[in-house]
Amino acid sequence: MSYSSLLYKYLYVKNLFTIAKDEEGQGMVEYAIIVVAIAAVALTAVAALGDQITSFMSSIDFGSIEAAQ
């Protein structure tokens, strides 16, 4: 068996492992799914609690906050 044949086989196997370890695209898809899930939860929460948040913010007396400063 020649040296070049062994080198070729080594590089072939090394390339296979490199391809198997290349998960950059997969990682980006996972991050995108997480971001979409967080956005969906946030939108659902705001839609469900919107009226309560509005009434809570309306009940705050900002005049007393300015007087305290």
N, C-alpha and C. Protein backbone atom coordinates (compact mmCIF):
# COMPACT_ATOMS: atom_id res chain seq x y z
N MET A 1 0.85 -1.17 0.00
CA MET A 1 0.00 0.00 0.00
C MET A 1 0.90 1.23 0.00
N SER A 2 0.65 2.14 -0.90
CA SER A 2 1.50 3.31 -1.03
C SER A 2 1.07 4.41 -0.05
N TYR A 3 1.98 5.34 0.12
CA TYR A 3 1.73 6.46 1.02
C TYR A 3 0.57 7.32 0.50
N SER A 4 0.51 7.56 -0.79
CA SER A 4 -0.56 8.39 -1.34
C SER A 4 -1.92 7.74 -1.19
N SER A 5 -1.97 6.42 -1.27
CA SER A 5 -3.23 5.70 -1.07
C SER A 5 -3.71 5.84 0.37
N LEU A 6 -2.80 5.72 1.32
CA LEU A 6 -3.16 5.89 2.73
C LEU A 6 -3.60 7.33 3.01
N LEU A 7 -2.88 8.28 2.41
CA LEU A 7 -3.23 9.68 2.59
C LEU A 7 -4.62 9.96 2.03
N TYR A 8 -4.91 9.41 0.87
CA TYR A 8 -6.22 9.59 0.25
C TYR A 8 -7.33 9.04 1.15
N LYS A 9 -7.12 7.84 1.69
CA LYS A 9 -8.13 7.23 2.57
C LYS A 9 -8.29 8.04 3.86
N TYR A 10 -7.18 8.53 4.41
CA TYR A 10 -7.25 9.34 5.62
C TYR A 10 -8.06 10.61 5.37
N LEU A 11 -7.75 11.30 4.27
CA LEU A 11 -8.46 12.53 3.96
C LEU A 11 -9.93 12.27 3.68
N TYR A 12 -10.24 11.14 3.07
CA TYR A 12 -11.64 10.79 2.79
C TYR A 12 -12.42 10.60 4.09
N VAL A 13 -11.85 9.84 5.02
CA VAL A 13 -12.51 9.59 6.30
C VAL A 13 -12.60 10.89 7.11
N LYS A 14 -11.55 11.70 7.09
CA LYS A 14 -11.57 12.97 7.80
C LYS A 14 -12.66 13.87 7.24
N ASN A 15 -12.82 13.90 5.93
CA ASN A 15 -13.85 14.70 5.30
C ASN A 15 -15.24 14.22 5.71
N LEU A 16 -15.45 12.92 5.82
CA LEU A 16 -16.74 12.38 6.26
C LEU A 16 -17.08 12.85 7.67
N PHE A 17 -16.10 12.83 8.57
CA PHE A 17 -16.34 13.28 9.93
C PHE A 17 -16.59 14.79 9.98
N THR A 18 -15.92 15.54 9.13
CA THR A 18 -16.13 16.98 9.08
C THR A 18 -17.54 17.29 8.62
N ILE A 19 -18.02 16.58 7.63
CA ILE A 19 -19.38 16.79 7.15
C ILE A 19 -20.38 16.42 8.25
N ALA A 20 -20.12 15.35 8.97
CA ALA A 20 -21.03 14.92 10.03
C ALA A 20 -21.07 15.93 11.17
N LYS A 21 -19.94 16.60 11.44
CA LYS A 21 -19.89 17.56 12.54
C LYS A 21 -20.42 18.94 12.15
N ASP A 22 -20.57 19.20 10.87
CA ASP A 22 -21.01 20.52 10.40
C ASP A 22 -22.49 20.68 10.68
N GLU A 23 -22.81 21.36 11.79
CA GLU A 23 -24.19 21.55 12.21
C GLU A 23 -24.54 23.03 12.29
N GLU A 24 -23.80 23.87 11.59
CA GLU A 24 -24.05 25.31 11.66
C GLU A 24 -25.44 25.67 11.15
N GLY A 25 -25.82 25.11 10.03
CA GLY A 25 -27.15 25.38 9.49
C GLY A 25 -28.25 24.87 10.39
N GLN A 26 -28.03 23.71 10.97
CA GLN A 26 -29.01 23.14 11.88
C GLN A 26 -29.16 24.02 13.11
N GLY A 27 -28.07 24.54 13.63
CA GLY A 27 -28.12 25.41 14.80
C GLY A 27 -28.89 26.69 14.53
N MET A 28 -28.70 27.26 13.35
CA MET A 28 -29.42 28.49 13.00
C MET A 28 -30.92 28.24 12.91
N VAL A 29 -31.30 27.09 12.38
CA VAL A 29 -32.72 26.75 12.29
C VAL A 29 -33.30 26.60 13.70
N GLU A 30 -32.56 25.97 14.59
CA GLU A 30 -33.04 25.81 15.96
C GLU A 30 -33.22 27.16 16.65
N TYR A 31 -32.28 28.08 16.46
CA TYR A 31 -32.41 29.42 17.04
C TYR A 31 -33.62 30.15 16.45
N ALA A 32 -33.83 29.99 15.16
CA ALA A 32 -34.99 30.64 14.52
C ALA A 32 -36.29 30.10 15.09
N ILE A 33 -36.36 28.80 15.32
CA ILE A 33 -37.57 28.19 15.90
C ILE A 33 -37.81 28.73 17.31
N ILE A 34 -36.74 28.87 18.08
CA ILE A 34 -36.86 29.39 19.45
C ILE A 34 -37.35 30.84 19.42
N VAL A 35 -36.80 31.65 18.52
CA VAL A 35 -37.21 33.05 18.43
C VAL A 35 -38.68 33.16 18.03
N VAL A 36 -39.11 32.34 17.08
CA VAL A 36 -40.51 32.36 16.65
C VAL A 36 -41.42 31.92 17.79
N ALA A 37 -41.00 30.92 18.56
CA ALA A 37 -41.81 30.44 19.68
C ALA A 37 -41.94 31.53 20.75
N ILE A 38 -40.85 32.22 21.06
CA ILE A 38 -40.89 33.29 22.06
C ILE A 38 -41.80 34.43 21.58
N ALA A 39 -41.69 34.77 20.30
CA ALA A 39 -42.54 35.83 19.75
C ALA A 39 -44.01 35.44 19.80
N ALA A 40 -44.32 34.18 19.52
CA ALA A 40 -45.70 33.72 19.57
C ALA A 40 -46.26 33.79 20.99
N VAL A 41 -45.45 33.39 21.96
CA VAL A 41 -45.88 33.45 23.36
C VAL A 41 -46.08 34.90 23.79
N ALA A 42 -45.17 35.79 23.39
CA ALA A 42 -45.30 37.20 23.76
C ALA A 42 -46.55 37.82 23.14
N LEU A 43 -46.80 37.54 21.87
CA LEU A 43 -48.00 38.08 21.23
C LEU A 43 -49.28 37.54 21.85
N THR A 44 -49.28 36.26 22.19
CA THR A 44 -50.45 35.67 22.84
C THR A 44 -50.69 36.30 24.20
N ALA A 45 -49.61 36.52 24.95
CA ALA A 45 -49.75 37.12 26.28
C ALA A 45 -50.28 38.55 26.18
N VAL A 46 -49.76 39.32 25.25
CA VAL A 46 -50.22 40.69 25.09
C VAL A 46 -51.67 40.72 24.63
N ALA A 47 -52.04 39.83 23.73
CA ALA A 47 -53.43 39.78 23.27
C ALA A 47 -54.37 39.38 24.40
N ALA A 48 -53.94 38.45 25.23
CA ALA A 48 -54.81 37.97 26.32
C ALA A 48 -54.88 38.98 27.46
N LEU A 49 -53.79 39.67 27.73
CA LEU A 49 -53.73 40.57 28.89
C LEU A 49 -53.77 42.04 28.50
N GLY A 50 -54.03 42.34 27.25
CA GLY A 50 -53.98 43.72 26.76
C GLY A 50 -54.87 44.68 27.52
N ASP A 51 -56.13 44.31 27.75
CA ASP A 51 -57.05 45.21 28.46
C ASP A 51 -56.62 45.40 29.91
N GLN A 52 -56.13 44.34 30.54
CA GLN A 52 -55.68 44.46 31.93
C GLN A 52 -54.44 45.35 32.04
N ILE A 53 -53.54 45.22 31.07
CA ILE A 53 -52.34 46.06 31.08
C ILE A 53 -52.71 47.52 30.86
N THR A 54 -53.64 47.77 29.95
CA THR A 54 -54.08 49.13 29.68
C THR A 54 -54.72 49.76 30.91
N SER A 55 -55.60 49.02 31.58
CA SER A 55 -56.25 49.58 32.77
C SER A 55 -55.25 49.77 33.91
N PHE A 56 -54.28 48.90 34.04
CA PHE A 56 -53.26 49.05 35.08
C PHE A 56 -52.42 50.29 34.81
N MET A 57 -51.99 50.48 33.56
CA MET A 57 -51.17 51.64 33.24
C MET A 57 -51.97 52.93 33.38
N SER A 58 -53.26 52.88 33.12
CA SER A 58 -54.11 54.06 33.26
C SER A 58 -54.32 54.43 34.73
N SER A 59 -54.24 53.47 35.61
CA SER A 59 -54.47 53.73 37.03
C SER A 59 -53.26 54.32 37.74
N ILE A 60 -52.12 54.34 37.09
CA ILE A 60 -50.91 54.90 37.72
C ILE A 60 -51.02 56.42 37.72
N ASP A 61 -50.77 57.00 38.89
CA ASP A 61 -50.83 58.46 39.05
C ASP A 61 -49.42 59.01 38.88
N PHE A 62 -49.12 59.48 37.68
CA PHE A 62 -47.79 60.00 37.41
C PHE A 62 -47.55 61.36 38.07
N GLY A 63 -48.60 62.05 38.46
CA GLY A 63 -48.46 63.32 39.15
C GLY A 63 -47.74 63.17 40.49
N SER A 64 -48.06 62.10 41.21
CA SER A 64 -47.41 61.89 42.51
C SER A 64 -45.95 61.50 42.33
N ILE A 65 -45.62 60.87 41.22
CA ILE A 65 -44.23 60.53 40.96
C ILE A 65 -43.42 61.79 40.68
N GLU A 66 -43.99 62.71 39.88
CA GLU A 66 -43.29 63.96 39.58
C GLU A 66 -43.17 64.85 40.82
N ALA A 67 -44.16 64.82 41.71
CA ALA A 67 -44.10 65.63 42.92
C ALA A 67 -43.03 65.12 43.87
N ALA A 68 -42.76 63.83 43.84
CA ALA A 68 -41.77 63.25 44.74
C ALA A 68 -40.36 63.64 44.34
N GLN A 69 -40.18 63.99 43.09
CA GLN A 69 -38.82 64.37 42.63
C GLN A 69 -38.61 65.79 42.93
